[in-house]
PDB file of all heavy atoms in Angstrom:
ATOM      1  N   PHE A   1       0.832  -1.211   0.000  1.00  0.00           N
ATOM      2  CA  PHE A   1       0.000   0.000   0.000  1.00  0.00           C
ATOM      3  C   PHE A   1       0.867   1.261   0.000  1.00  0.00           C
ATOM      4  O   PHE A   1       0.568   2.234  -0.703  1.00  0.00           O
ATOM      5  CB  PHE A   1      -0.928  -0.001   1.217  1.00  0.00           C
ATOM      6  CG  PHE A   1      -2.189  -0.786   1.008  1.00  0.00           C
ATOM      7  CD1 PHE A   1      -2.276  -2.115   1.412  1.00  0.00           C
ATOM      8  CD2 PHE A   1      -3.291  -0.216   0.390  1.00  0.00           C
ATOM      9  CE1 PHE A   1      -3.437  -2.843   1.217  1.00  0.00           C
ATOM     10  CE2 PHE A   1      -4.462  -0.943   0.195  1.00  0.00           C
ATOM     11  CZ  PHE A   1      -4.532  -2.258   0.601  1.00  0.00           C
ATOM     12  N   PHE A   2       1.945   1.243   0.791  1.00  0.00           N
ATOM     13  CA  PHE A   2       2.811   2.415   0.880  1.00  0.00           C
ATOM     14  C   PHE A   2       3.479   2.714  -0.461  1.00  0.00           C
ATOM     15  O   PHE A   2       3.445   3.845  -0.954  1.00  0.00           O
ATOM     16  CB  PHE A   2       3.873   2.189   1.960  1.00  0.00           C
ATOM     17  CG  PHE A   2       4.980   3.212   1.956  1.00  0.00           C
ATOM     18  CD1 PHE A   2       4.765   4.488   2.448  1.00  0.00           C
ATOM     19  CD2 PHE A   2       6.233   2.888   1.460  1.00  0.00           C
ATOM     20  CE1 PHE A   2       5.786   5.430   2.435  1.00  0.00           C
ATOM     21  CE2 PHE A   2       7.259   3.821   1.450  1.00  0.00           C
ATOM     22  CZ  PHE A   2       7.036   5.096   1.943  1.00  0.00           C
ATOM     23  N   TYR A   3       4.077   1.674  -1.073  1.00  0.00           N
ATOM     24  CA  TYR A   3       4.818   1.907  -2.316  1.00  0.00           C
ATOM     25  C   TYR A   3       3.872   2.227  -3.467  1.00  0.00           C
ATOM     26  O   TYR A   3       4.207   3.016  -4.355  1.00  0.00           O
ATOM     27  CB  TYR A   3       5.669   0.676  -2.661  1.00  0.00           C
ATOM     28  CG  TYR A   3       6.820   1.008  -3.586  1.00  0.00           C
ATOM     29  CD1 TYR A   3       7.990   1.565  -3.087  1.00  0.00           C
ATOM     30  CD2 TYR A   3       6.721   0.787  -4.954  1.00  0.00           C
ATOM     31  CE1 TYR A   3       9.047   1.879  -3.933  1.00  0.00           C
ATOM     32  CE2 TYR A   3       7.767   1.103  -5.805  1.00  0.00           C
ATOM     33  CZ  TYR A   3       8.930   1.651  -5.287  1.00  0.00           C
ATOM     34  OH  TYR A   3       9.960   1.978  -6.127  1.00  0.00           O
ATOM     35  N   THR A   4       2.682   1.635  -3.469  1.00  0.00           N
ATOM     36  CA  THR A   4       1.696   1.982  -4.501  1.00  0.00           C
ATOM     37  C   THR A   4       1.268   3.435  -4.358  1.00  0.00           C
ATOM     38  O   THR A   4       1.087   4.144  -5.363  1.00  0.00           O
ATOM     39  CB  THR A   4       0.468   1.061  -4.388  1.00  0.00           C
ATOM     40  OG1 THR A   4       0.882  -0.304  -4.546  1.00  0.00           O
ATOM     41  CG2 THR A   4      -0.557   1.396  -5.461  1.00  0.00           C
ATOM     42  N   ALA A   5       1.131   3.899  -3.116  1.00  0.00           N
ATOM     43  CA  ALA A   5       0.705   5.280  -2.879  1.00  0.00           C
ATOM     44  C   ALA A   5       1.730   6.286  -3.370  1.00  0.00           C
ATOM     45  O   ALA A   5       1.366   7.368  -3.868  1.00  0.00           O
ATOM     46  CB  ALA A   5       0.436   5.491  -1.387  1.00  0.00           C
ATOM     47  N   ILE A   6       3.029   5.954  -3.267  1.00  0.00           N
ATOM     48  CA  ILE A   6       4.049   6.917  -3.695  1.00  0.00           C
ATOM     49  C   ILE A   6       4.409   6.764  -5.166  1.00  0.00           C
ATOM     50  O   ILE A   6       5.027   7.665  -5.746  1.00  0.00           O
ATOM     51  CB  ILE A   6       5.325   6.785  -2.840  1.00  0.00           C
ATOM     52  CG1 ILE A   6       6.004   5.428  -3.071  1.00  0.00           C
ATOM     53  CG2 ILE A   6       5.030   7.003  -1.381  1.00  0.00           C
ATOM     54  CD1 ILE A   6       7.338   5.284  -2.363  1.00  0.00           C
ATOM     55  N   SER A   7       4.042   5.651  -5.788  1.00  0.00           N
ATOM     56  CA  SER A   7       4.387   5.443  -7.197  1.00  0.00           C
ATOM     57  C   SER A   7       3.238   5.756  -8.146  1.00  0.00           C
ATOM     58  O   SER A   7       3.470   6.043  -9.323  1.00  0.00           O
ATOM     59  CB  SER A   7       4.858   3.998  -7.427  1.00  0.00           C
ATOM     60  OG  SER A   7       3.858   3.068  -7.059  1.00  0.00           O
ATOM     61  N   VAL A   8       1.986   5.701  -7.662  1.00  0.00           N
ATOM     62  CA  VAL A   8       0.821   6.013  -8.498  1.00  0.00           C
ATOM     63  C   VAL A   8       0.093   7.188  -7.859  1.00  0.00           C
ATOM     64  O   VAL A   8      -0.416   7.073  -6.739  1.00  0.00           O
ATOM     65  CB  VAL A   8      -0.130   4.797  -8.622  1.00  0.00           C
ATOM     66  CG1 VAL A   8      -1.298   5.155  -9.533  1.00  0.00           C
ATOM     67  CG2 VAL A   8       0.613   3.587  -9.160  1.00  0.00           C
ATOM     68  N   ASN A   9       0.053   8.309  -8.569  1.00  0.00           N
ATOM     69  CA  ASN A   9      -0.540   9.538  -8.045  1.00  0.00           C
ATOM     70  C   ASN A   9      -1.868   9.815  -8.752  1.00  0.00           C
ATOM     71  O   ASN A   9      -1.875  10.299  -9.888  1.00  0.00           O
ATOM     72  CB  ASN A   9       0.414  10.709  -8.241  1.00  0.00           C
ATOM     73  CG  ASN A   9      -0.049  11.967  -7.527  1.00  0.00           C
ATOM     74  OD1 ASN A   9      -1.201  12.074  -7.104  1.00  0.00           O
ATOM     75  ND2 ASN A   9       0.846  12.926  -7.375  1.00  0.00           N
ATOM     76  N   PRO A  10      -3.019   9.517  -8.122  1.00  0.00           N
ATOM     77  CA  PRO A  10      -4.309   9.764  -8.776  1.00  0.00           C
ATOM     78  C   PRO A  10      -4.538  11.227  -9.134  1.00  0.00           C
ATOM     79  O   PRO A  10      -5.157  11.527 -10.159  1.00  0.00           O
ATOM     80  CB  PRO A  10      -5.321   9.278  -7.731  1.00  0.00           C
ATOM     81  CG  PRO A  10      -4.571   8.310  -6.882  1.00  0.00           C
ATOM     82  CD  PRO A  10      -3.179   8.844  -6.825  1.00  0.00           C
ATOM     83  N   ASN A  11      -4.049  12.157  -8.309  1.00  0.00           N
ATOM     84  CA  ASN A  11      -4.230  13.580  -8.599  1.00  0.00           C
ATOM     85  C   ASN A  11      -3.527  13.982  -9.895  1.00  0.00           C
ATOM     86  O   ASN A  11      -4.087  14.709 -10.727  1.00  0.00           O
ATOM     87  CB  ASN A  11      -3.703  14.434  -7.438  1.00  0.00           C
ATOM     88  CG  ASN A  11      -4.520  14.256  -6.181  1.00  0.00           C
ATOM     89  OD1 ASN A  11      -5.723  14.032  -6.240  1.00  0.00           O
ATOM     90  ND2 ASN A  11      -3.876  14.348  -5.025  1.00  0.00           N
ATOM     91  N   GLN A  12      -2.292  13.488 -10.067  1.00  0.00           N
ATOM     92  CA  GLN A  12      -1.561  13.816 -11.281  1.00  0.00           C
ATOM     93  C   GLN A  12      -2.206  13.174 -12.505  1.00  0.00           C
ATOM     94  O   GLN A  12      -2.287  13.795 -13.570  1.00  0.00           O
ATOM     95  CB  GLN A  12      -0.110  13.348 -11.145  1.00  0.00           C
ATOM     96  CG  GLN A  12       0.759  13.708 -12.351  1.00  0.00           C
ATOM     97  CD  GLN A  12       2.207  13.289 -12.163  1.00  0.00           C
ATOM     98  OE1 GLN A  12       2.579  12.792 -11.099  1.00  0.00           O
ATOM     99  NE2 GLN A  12       3.007  13.474 -13.175  1.00  0.00           N
ATOM    100  N   ILE A  13      -2.697  11.944 -12.362  1.00  0.00           N
ATOM    101  CA  ILE A  13      -3.372  11.277 -13.478  1.00  0.00           C
ATOM    102  C   ILE A  13      -4.625  12.058 -13.876  1.00  0.00           C
ATOM    103  O   ILE A  13      -4.896  12.279 -15.068  1.00  0.00           O
ATOM    104  CB  ILE A  13      -3.725   9.830 -13.102  1.00  0.00           C
ATOM    105  CG1 ILE A  13      -2.457   9.006 -12.872  1.00  0.00           C
ATOM    106  CG2 ILE A  13      -4.577   9.177 -14.199  1.00  0.00           C
ATOM    107  CD1 ILE A  13      -2.722   7.602 -12.363  1.00  0.00           C
ATOM    108  N   ALA A  14      -5.399  12.489 -12.869  1.00  0.00           N
ATOM    109  CA  ALA A  14      -6.624  13.247 -13.152  1.00  0.00           C
ATOM    110  C   ALA A  14      -6.302  14.580 -13.827  1.00  0.00           C
ATOM    111  O   ALA A  14      -7.001  15.003 -14.770  1.00  0.00           O
ATOM    112  CB  ALA A  14      -7.399  13.473 -11.861  1.00  0.00           C
ATOM    113  N   ASP A  15      -5.247  15.267 -13.374  1.00  0.00           N
ATOM    114  CA  ASP A  15      -4.863  16.544 -13.988  1.00  0.00           C
ATOM    115  C   ASP A  15      -4.403  16.349 -15.427  1.00  0.00           C
ATOM    116  O   ASP A  15      -4.751  17.151 -16.316  1.00  0.00           O
ATOM    117  CB  ASP A  15      -3.752  17.199 -13.172  1.00  0.00           C
ATOM    118  CG  ASP A  15      -4.232  17.679 -11.807  1.00  0.00           C
ATOM    119  OD1 ASP A  15      -5.465  17.841 -11.652  1.00  0.00           O
ATOM    120  OD2 ASP A  15      -3.386  17.876 -10.910  1.00  0.00           O
ATOM    121  N   ASP A  16      -3.623  15.303 -15.688  1.00  0.00           N
ATOM    122  CA  ASP A  16      -3.163  15.035 -17.054  1.00  0.00           C
ATOM    123  C   ASP A  16      -4.345  14.729 -17.977  1.00  0.00           C
ATOM    124  O   ASP A  16      -4.380  15.176 -19.134  1.00  0.00           O
ATOM    125  CB  ASP A  16      -2.176  13.872 -17.054  1.00  0.00           C
ATOM    126  CG  ASP A  16      -0.871  14.220 -16.353  1.00  0.00           C
ATOM    127  OD1 ASP A  16      -0.587  15.420 -16.199  1.00  0.00           O
ATOM    128  OD2 ASP A  16      -0.144  13.285 -15.949  1.00  0.00           O
ATOM    129  N   MET A  17      -5.299  13.955 -17.474  1.00  0.00           N
ATOM    130  CA  MET A  17      -6.486  13.650 -18.277  1.00  0.00           C
ATOM    131  C   MET A  17      -7.281  14.910 -18.586  1.00  0.00           C
ATOM    132  O   MET A  17      -7.763  15.108 -19.717  1.00  0.00           O
ATOM    133  CB  MET A  17      -7.370  12.639 -17.533  1.00  0.00           C
ATOM    134  CG  MET A  17      -6.812  11.232 -17.470  1.00  0.00           C
ATOM    135  SD  MET A  17      -7.791  10.152 -16.395  1.00  0.00           S
ATOM    136  CE  MET A  17      -9.429  10.414 -17.041  1.00  0.00           C
ATOM    137  N   LYS A  18      -7.425  15.790 -17.604  1.00  0.00           N
ATOM    138  CA  LYS A  18      -8.203  17.017 -17.800  1.00  0.00           C
ATOM    139  C   LYS A  18      -7.542  17.928 -18.824  1.00  0.00           C
ATOM    140  O   LYS A  18      -8.231  18.531 -19.676  1.00  0.00           O
ATOM    141  CB  LYS A  18      -8.346  17.738 -16.456  1.00  0.00           C
ATOM    142  CG  LYS A  18      -9.291  18.924 -16.490  1.00  0.00           C
ATOM    143  CD  LYS A  18      -9.471  19.506 -15.090  1.00  0.00           C
ATOM    144  CE  LYS A  18     -10.442  20.685 -15.115  1.00  0.00           C
ATOM    145  NZ  LYS A  18     -10.629  21.247 -13.748  1.00  0.00           N
ATOM    146  N   ARG A  19      -6.213  18.030 -18.764  1.00  0.00           N
ATOM    147  CA  ARG A  19      -5.506  18.882 -19.721  1.00  0.00           C
ATOM    148  C   ARG A  19      -5.594  18.352 -21.146  1.00  0.00           C
ATOM    149  O   ARG A  19      -5.590  19.120 -22.111  1.00  0.00           O
ATOM    150  CB  ARG A  19      -4.039  19.025 -19.306  1.00  0.00           C
ATOM    151  CG  ARG A  19      -3.817  20.001 -18.157  1.00  0.00           C
ATOM    152  CD  ARG A  19      -2.347  20.366 -18.043  1.00  0.00           C
ATOM    153  NE  ARG A  19      -1.544  19.205 -17.703  1.00  0.00           N
ATOM    154  CZ  ARG A  19      -1.217  18.880 -16.462  1.00  0.00           C
ATOM    155  NH1 ARG A  19      -1.644  19.620 -15.452  1.00  0.00           N
ATOM    156  NH2 ARG A  19      -0.471  17.830 -16.223  1.00  0.00           N
ATOM    157  N   SER A  20      -5.646  17.041 -21.294  1.00  0.00           N
ATOM    158  CA  SER A  20      -5.693  16.444 -22.636  1.00  0.00           C
ATOM    159  C   SER A  20      -7.119  16.237 -23.133  1.00  0.00           C
ATOM    160  O   SER A  20      -7.322  15.637 -24.188  1.00  0.00           O
ATOM    161  CB  SER A  20      -4.947  15.112 -22.638  1.00  0.00           C
ATOM    162  OG  SER A  20      -5.507  14.215 -21.689  1.00  0.00           O
ATOM    163  N   GLY A  21      -8.103  16.693 -22.369  1.00  0.00           N
ATOM    164  CA  GLY A  21      -9.489  16.585 -22.817  1.00  0.00           C
ATOM    165  C   GLY A  21     -10.109  15.217 -22.586  1.00  0.00           C
ATOM    166  O   GLY A  21     -11.108  14.886 -23.225  1.00  0.00           O
ATOM    167  N   GLY A  22      -9.560  14.451 -21.674  1.00  0.00           N
ATOM    168  CA  GLY A  22     -10.093  13.127 -21.397  1.00  0.00           C
ATOM    169  C   GLY A  22     -10.903  13.103 -20.117  1.00  0.00           C
ATOM    170  O   GLY A  22     -10.680  13.906 -19.200  1.00  0.00           O
ATOM    171  N   PHE A  23     -11.837  12.170 -20.029  1.00  0.00           N
ATOM    172  CA  PHE A  23     -12.644  12.023 -18.829  1.00  0.00           C
ATOM    173  C   PHE A  23     -13.149  10.589 -18.745  1.00  0.00           C
ATOM    174  O   PHE A  23     -13.239   9.876 -19.753  1.00  0.00           O
ATOM    175  CB  PHE A  23     -13.839  12.997 -18.840  1.00  0.00           C
ATOM    176  CG  PHE A  23     -14.796  12.780 -19.983  1.00  0.00           C
ATOM    177  CD1 PHE A  23     -15.907  11.965 -19.833  1.00  0.00           C
ATOM    178  CD2 PHE A  23     -14.573  13.370 -21.219  1.00  0.00           C
ATOM    179  CE1 PHE A  23     -16.793  11.743 -20.886  1.00  0.00           C
ATOM    180  CE2 PHE A  23     -15.448  13.159 -22.277  1.00  0.00           C
ATOM    181  CZ  PHE A  23     -16.552  12.348 -22.109  1.00  0.00           C
ATOM    182  N   ILE A  24     -13.468  10.182 -17.533  1.00  0.00           N
ATOM    183  CA  ILE A  24     -14.041   8.862 -17.298  1.00  0.00           C
ATOM    184  C   ILE A  24     -15.553   8.985 -17.413  1.00  0.00           C
ATOM    185  O   ILE A  24     -16.150   9.827 -16.733  1.00  0.00           O
ATOM    186  CB  ILE A  24     -13.642   8.331 -15.912  1.00  0.00           C
ATOM    187  CG1 ILE A  24     -12.120   8.205 -15.809  1.00  0.00           C
ATOM    188  CG2 ILE A  24     -14.302   6.981 -15.640  1.00  0.00           C
ATOM    189  CD1 ILE A  24     -11.632   7.824 -14.432  1.00  0.00           C
ATOM    190  N   PRO A  25     -16.196   8.206 -18.278  1.00  0.00           N
ATOM    191  CA  PRO A  25     -17.651   8.311 -18.442  1.00  0.00           C
ATOM    192  C   PRO A  25     -18.383   8.172 -17.108  1.00  0.00           C
ATOM    193  O   PRO A  25     -18.162   7.225 -16.350  1.00  0.00           O
ATOM    194  CB  PRO A  25     -17.989   7.150 -19.389  1.00  0.00           C
ATOM    195  CG  PRO A  25     -16.732   6.916 -20.157  1.00  0.00           C
ATOM    196  CD  PRO A  25     -15.616   7.214 -19.189  1.00  0.00           C
ATOM    197  N   GLY A  26     -19.249   9.145 -16.813  1.00  0.00           N
ATOM    198  CA  GLY A  26     -20.022   9.121 -15.584  1.00  0.00           C
ATOM    199  C   GLY A  26     -19.328   9.725 -14.392  1.00  0.00           C
ATOM    200  O   GLY A  26     -19.897   9.753 -13.293  1.00  0.00           O
ATOM    201  N   VAL A  27     -18.093  10.214 -14.551  1.00  0.00           N
ATOM    202  CA  VAL A  27     -17.327  10.803 -13.454  1.00  0.00           C
ATOM    203  C   VAL A  27     -16.887  12.207 -13.860  1.00  0.00           C
ATOM    204  O   VAL A  27     -16.351  12.395 -14.958  1.00  0.00           O
ATOM    205  CB  VAL A  27     -16.093   9.945 -13.095  1.00  0.00           C
ATOM    206  CG1 VAL A  27     -15.327  10.565 -11.933  1.00  0.00           C
ATOM    207  CG2 VAL A  27     -16.504   8.525 -12.760  1.00  0.00           C
ATOM    208  N   LYS A  28     -17.105  13.181 -13.002  1.00  0.00           N
ATOM    209  CA  LYS A  28     -16.709  14.547 -13.298  1.00  0.00           C
ATOM    210  C   LYS A  28     -15.194  14.681 -13.322  1.00  0.00           C
ATOM    211  O   LYS A  28     -14.494  14.074 -12.504  1.00  0.00           O
ATOM    212  CB  LYS A  28     -17.296  15.501 -12.260  1.00  0.00           C
ATOM    213  CG  LYS A  28     -18.813  15.628 -12.309  1.00  0.00           C
ATOM    214  CD  LYS A  28     -19.291  16.638 -11.278  1.00  0.00           C
ATOM    215  CE  LYS A  28     -20.823  16.787 -11.340  1.00  0.00           C
ATOM    216  NZ  LYS A  28     -21.309  17.778 -10.344  1.00  0.00           N
ATOM    217  N   PRO A  29     -14.651  15.480 -14.251  1.00  0.00           N
ATOM    218  CA  PRO A  29     -13.191  15.689 -14.288  1.00  0.00           C
ATOM    219  C   PRO A  29     -12.705  16.390 -13.026  1.00  0.00           C
ATOM    220  O   PRO A  29     -13.466  17.041 -12.313  1.00  0.00           O
ATOM    221  CB  PRO A  29     -12.994  16.564 -15.531  1.00  0.00           C
ATOM    222  CG  PRO A  29     -14.235  16.391 -16.345  1.00  0.00           C
ATOM    223  CD  PRO A  29     -15.345  16.147 -15.360  1.00  0.00           C
ATOM    224  N   GLY A  30     -11.412  16.245 -12.754  1.00  0.00           N
ATOM    225  CA  GLY A  30     -10.813  16.925 -11.614  1.00  0.00           C
ATOM    226  C   GLY A  30     -10.817  16.083 -10.357  1.00  0.00           C
ATOM    227  O   GLY A  30     -10.395  14.916 -10.357  1.00  0.00           O
ATOM    228  N   PHE A  31     -11.344  16.671  -9.262  1.00  0.00           N
ATOM    229  CA  PHE A  31     -11.282  16.019  -7.958  1.00  0.00           C
ATOM    230  C   PHE A  31     -12.050  14.702  -7.932  1.00  0.00           C
ATOM    231  O   PHE A  31     -11.575  13.710  -7.367  1.00  0.00           O
ATOM    232  CB  PHE A  31     -11.848  16.967  -6.883  1.00  0.00           C
ATOM    233  CG  PHE A  31     -11.897  16.355  -5.516  1.00  0.00           C
ATOM    234  CD1 PHE A  31     -10.752  16.190  -4.765  1.00  0.00           C
ATOM    235  CD2 PHE A  31     -13.115  15.907  -4.994  1.00  0.00           C
ATOM    236  CE1 PHE A  31     -10.807  15.608  -3.499  1.00  0.00           C
ATOM    237  CE2 PHE A  31     -13.172  15.329  -3.728  1.00  0.00           C
ATOM    238  CZ  PHE A  31     -12.011  15.176  -2.989  1.00  0.00           C
ATOM    239  N   MET A  32     -13.233  14.662  -8.553  1.00  0.00           N
ATOM    240  CA  MET A  32     -14.031  13.442  -8.554  1.00  0.00           C
ATOM    241  C   MET A  32     -13.315  12.311  -9.305  1.00  0.00           C
ATOM    242  O   MET A  32     -13.376  11.149  -8.899  1.00  0.00           O
ATOM    243  CB  MET A  32     -15.399  13.704  -9.168  1.00  0.00           C
ATOM    244  CG  MET A  32     -16.260  14.686  -8.397  1.00  0.00           C
ATOM    245  SD  MET A  32     -16.581  14.112  -6.702  1.00  0.00           S
ATOM    246  CE  MET A  32     -17.541  12.645  -7.030  1.00  0.00           C
ATOM    247  N   THR A  33     -12.634  12.664 -10.387  1.00  0.00           N
ATOM    248  CA  THR A  33     -11.858  11.660 -11.125  1.00  0.00           C
ATOM    249  C   THR A  33     -10.722  11.118 -10.263  1.00  0.00           C
ATOM    250  O   THR A  33     -10.463   9.908 -10.232  1.00  0.00           O
ATOM    251  CB  THR A  33     -11.296  12.265 -12.416  1.00  0.00           C
ATOM    252  OG1 THR A  33     -12.376  12.665 -13.262  1.00  0.00           O
ATOM    253  CG2 THR A  33     -10.431  11.266 -13.154  1.00  0.00           C
ATOM    254  N   SER A  34     -10.036  12.018  -9.560  1.00  0.00           N
ATOM    255  CA  SER A  34      -8.959  11.585  -8.673  1.00  0.00           C
ATOM    256  C   SER A  34      -9.488  10.657  -7.576  1.00  0.00           C
ATOM    257  O   SER A  34      -8.861   9.630  -7.269  1.00  0.00           O
ATOM    258  CB  SER A  34      -8.283  12.809  -8.051  1.00  0.00           C
ATOM    259  OG  SER A  34      -7.320  12.425  -7.099  1.00  0.00           O
ATOM    260  N   GLU A  35     -10.650  10.998  -7.008  1.00  0.00           N
ATOM    261  CA  GLU A  35     -11.243  10.155  -5.971  1.00  0.00           C
ATOM    262  C   GLU A  35     -11.623   8.785  -6.520  1.00  0.00           C
ATOM    263  O   GLU A  35     -11.396   7.756  -5.880  1.00  0.00           O
ATOM    264  CB  GLU A  35     -12.494  10.842  -5.405  1.00  0.00           C
ATOM    265  CG  GLU A  35     -12.195  11.991  -4.462  1.00  0.00           C
ATOM    266  CD  GLU A  35     -11.675  11.495  -3.122  1.00  0.00           C
ATOM    267  OE1 GLU A  35     -12.328  10.637  -2.511  1.00  0.00           O
ATOM    268  OE2 GLU A  35     -10.577  11.947  -2.723  1.00  0.00           O
ATOM    269  N   TYR A  36     -12.166   8.770  -7.715  1.00  0.00           N
ATOM    270  CA  TYR A  36     -12.585   7.502  -8.328  1.00  0.00           C
ATOM    271  C   TYR A  36     -11.377   6.601  -8.593  1.00  0.00           C
ATOM    272  O   TYR A  36     -11.403   5.404  -8.287  1.00  0.00           O
ATOM    273  CB  TYR A  36     -13.338   7.783  -9.629  1.00  0.00           C
ATOM    274  CG  TYR A  36     -13.777   6.546 -10.356  1.00  0.00           C
ATOM    275  CD1 TYR A  36     -14.915   5.842  -9.974  1.00  0.00           C
ATOM    276  CD2 TYR A  36     -13.047   6.055 -11.445  1.00  0.00           C
ATOM    277  CE1 TYR A  36     -15.314   4.699 -10.642  1.00  0.00           C
ATOM    278  CE2 TYR A  36     -13.440   4.917 -12.118  1.00  0.00           C
ATOM    279  CZ  TYR A  36     -14.576   4.238 -11.715  1.00  0.00           C
ATOM    280  OH  TYR A  36     -14.962   3.104 -12.387  1.00  0.00           O
ATOM    281  N   ILE A  37     -10.315   7.188  -9.148  1.00  0.00           N
ATOM    282  CA  ILE A  37      -9.110   6.398  -9.422  1.00  0.00           C
ATOM    283  C   ILE A  37      -8.510   5.880  -8.122  1.00  0.00           C
ATOM    284  O   ILE A  37      -8.062   4.724  -8.035  1.00  0.00           O
ATOM    285  CB  ILE A  37      -8.082   7.241 -10.205  1.00  0.00           C
ATOM    286  CG1 ILE A  37      -8.626   7.591 -11.592  1.00  0.00           C
ATOM    287  CG2 ILE A  37      -6.761   6.492 -10.340  1.00  0.00           C
ATOM    288  CD1 ILE A  37      -7.737   8.523 -12.383  1.00  0.00           C
ATOM    289  N   GLY A  38      -8.506   6.720  -7.077  1.00  0.00           N
ATOM    290  CA  GLY A  38      -7.990   6.286  -5.783  1.00  0.00           C
ATOM    291  C   GLY A  38      -8.785   5.136  -5.196  1.00  0.00           C
ATOM    292  O   GLY A  38      -8.214   4.200  -4.626  1.00  0.00           O
ATOM    293  N   GLN A  39     -10.122   5.176  -5.330  1.00  0.00           N
ATOM    294  CA  GLN A  39     -10.959   4.094  -4.822  1.00  0.00           C
ATOM    295  C   GLN A  39     -10.695   2.787  -5.564  1.00  0.00           C
ATOM    296  O   GLN A  39     -10.575   1.719  -4.948  1.00  0.00           O
ATOM    297  CB  GLN A  39     -12.431   4.481  -4.941  1.00  0.00           C
ATOM    298  CG  GLN A  39     -12.858   5.603  -4.005  1.00  0.00           C
ATOM    299  CD  GLN A  39     -14.295   6.029  -4.233  1.00  0.00           C
ATOM    300  OE1 GLN A  39     -14.998   5.459  -5.068  1.00  0.00           O
ATOM    301  NE2 GLN A  39     -14.742   7.037  -3.491  1.00  0.00           N
TER     302      GLN A  39
END
């Protein structure tokens, strides 16, 4: 859990997706996307 937390950053993934115009169907871009990926 510790090493996964420091190697995979949901916030950065969500920000990169938002900048490139991508989104997860049914999930709002930004904070909600980061929360969904983290879950």
